[in-house]
Amino acid sequence: MDNLEELYNDIIMEHSMNSYNKKTLESCDYCEKGHNPNCGDEIEIQVKLKDDVIEDMAFMGHGCAISQSSTSIMIDVLKGKTIRRSKRNYRNFY
């Protein structure tokens, strides 16, 4: 279990320190802002579509390492997927 925890920590820290997806898109089709009133984290997600496929995504904002890295990881997972598949994956996650 220690190896799994180390891997988890490494992934979280990698995305937190090197947020590859933390940027602003030149143009986007959708933009959504989120705010967690309990801790003050704020994130804005931008989505660029090509037909029904998520062509690109990005985020800006501030917050803890978990909020920043989980947003970046989510973007990695969703890029290149259709809207329908992304929604299905989301429902299966919860």
Protein backbone atom coordinates (compact mmCIF):
# COMPACT_ATOMS: atom_id res chain seq x y z
CA MET A 1 0.00 0.00 0.00
CA ASP A 2 2.92 2.37 0.60
CA ASN A 3 3.85 2.20 -3.10
CA LEU A 4 0.32 3.17 -4.10
CA GLU A 5 0.35 6.10 -1.67
CA GLU A 6 3.73 7.21 -3.01
CA LEU A 7 2.46 7.02 -6.58
CA TYR A 8 -0.66 8.99 -5.63
CA ASN A 9 1.46 11.65 -3.90
CA ASP A 10 3.85 11.83 -6.87
CA ILE A 11 1.01 12.32 -9.36
CA ILE A 12 -0.69 14.96 -7.20
CA MET A 13 2.56 16.86 -6.66
CA GLU A 14 3.57 16.62 -10.34
CA HIS A 15 0.30 18.14 -11.51
CA SER A 16 0.24 20.68 -8.69
CA MET A 17 3.75 21.98 -9.35
CA ASN A 18 3.70 21.69 -13.16
CA SER A 19 0.08 22.39 -14.03
CA TYR A 20 0.40 21.71 -17.75
CA ASN A 21 -3.26 22.53 -18.23
CA LYS A 22 -3.18 25.75 -16.24
CA LYS A 23 -3.43 28.34 -18.98
CA THR A 24 -5.95 30.44 -20.86
CA LEU A 25 -7.28 29.26 -24.21
CA GLU A 26 -7.27 31.83 -27.03
CA SER A 27 -10.87 30.94 -27.76
CA CYS A 28 -13.29 28.57 -26.10
CA ASP A 29 -16.82 27.34 -26.55
CA TYR A 30 -17.64 27.02 -22.87
CA CYS A 31 -16.32 28.63 -19.72
CA GLU A 32 -17.44 27.78 -16.21
CA LYS A 33 -16.30 29.22 -12.88
CA GLY A 34 -16.40 27.32 -9.64
CA HIS A 35 -15.84 28.43 -6.06
CA ASN A 36 -15.62 26.38 -2.88
CA PRO A 37 -16.85 28.63 -0.05
CA ASN A 38 -15.47 26.24 2.58
CA CYS A 39 -11.83 26.69 1.62
CA GLY A 40 -11.76 29.55 -0.90
CA ASP A 41 -10.56 27.54 -3.92
CA GLU A 42 -11.58 29.16 -7.21
CA ILE A 43 -11.25 27.55 -10.63
CA GLU A 44 -12.35 28.60 -14.10
CA ILE A 45 -12.50 25.83 -16.71
CA GLN A 46 -12.48 26.54 -20.45
CA VAL A 47 -13.53 24.00 -23.08
CA LYS A 48 -12.90 24.10 -26.83
CA LEU A 49 -14.97 21.71 -28.94
CA LYS A 50 -14.58 20.43 -32.46
CA ASP A 51 -17.94 18.96 -33.42
CA ASP A 52 -18.77 16.77 -30.40
CA VAL A 53 -15.17 16.16 -29.30
CA ILE A 54 -13.33 18.01 -26.55
CA GLU A 55 -10.45 19.39 -28.57
CA ASP A 56 -8.80 21.31 -25.73
CA MET A 57 -9.38 22.30 -22.14
CA ALA A 58 -7.63 24.60 -19.73
CA PHE A 59 -8.09 26.09 -16.29
CA MET A 60 -7.07 29.09 -14.26
CA GLY A 61 -7.54 29.78 -10.60
CA HIS A 62 -6.07 29.25 -7.20
CA GLY A 63 -6.42 26.77 -4.41
CA CYS A 64 -4.79 23.86 -2.66
CA ALA A 65 -2.61 21.25 -4.34
CA ILE A 66 -5.52 18.80 -4.53
CA SER A 67 -7.88 21.21 -6.32
CA GLN A 68 -5.21 22.30 -8.78
CA SER A 69 -3.89 18.83 -9.55
CA SER A 70 -7.30 17.13 -9.72
CA THR A 71 -8.49 19.75 -12.21
CA SER A 72 -5.39 19.20 -14.34
CA ILE A 73 -5.80 15.41 -14.19
CA MET A 74 -9.49 15.69 -15.10
CA ILE A 75 -8.53 17.72 -18.18
CA ASP A 76 -6.00 15.06 -19.22
CA VAL A 77 -8.71 12.41 -18.93
CA LEU A 78 -11.36 14.35 -20.90
CA LYS A 79 -9.30 15.73 -23.80
CA GLY A 80 -10.10 13.93 -27.03
CA LYS A 81 -13.32 12.37 -25.73
CA THR A 82 -16.82 13.09 -26.95
CA ILE A 83 -19.24 15.01 -24.77
CA ARG A 84 -21.39 11.89 -24.42
CA ARG A 85 -18.49 9.71 -23.29
CA SER A 86 -17.31 12.38 -20.86
CA LYS A 87 -20.74 12.59 -19.26
CA ARG A 88 -20.94 8.79 -19.03
CA ASN A 89 -17.52 8.63 -17.34
CA TYR A 90 -18.62 11.34 -14.90
CA ARG A 91 -21.79 9.47 -13.93
CA ASN A 92 -19.86 6.23 -13.43
CA PHE A 93 -17.37 8.03 -11.21
CA TYR A 94 -20.00 9.11 -8.69
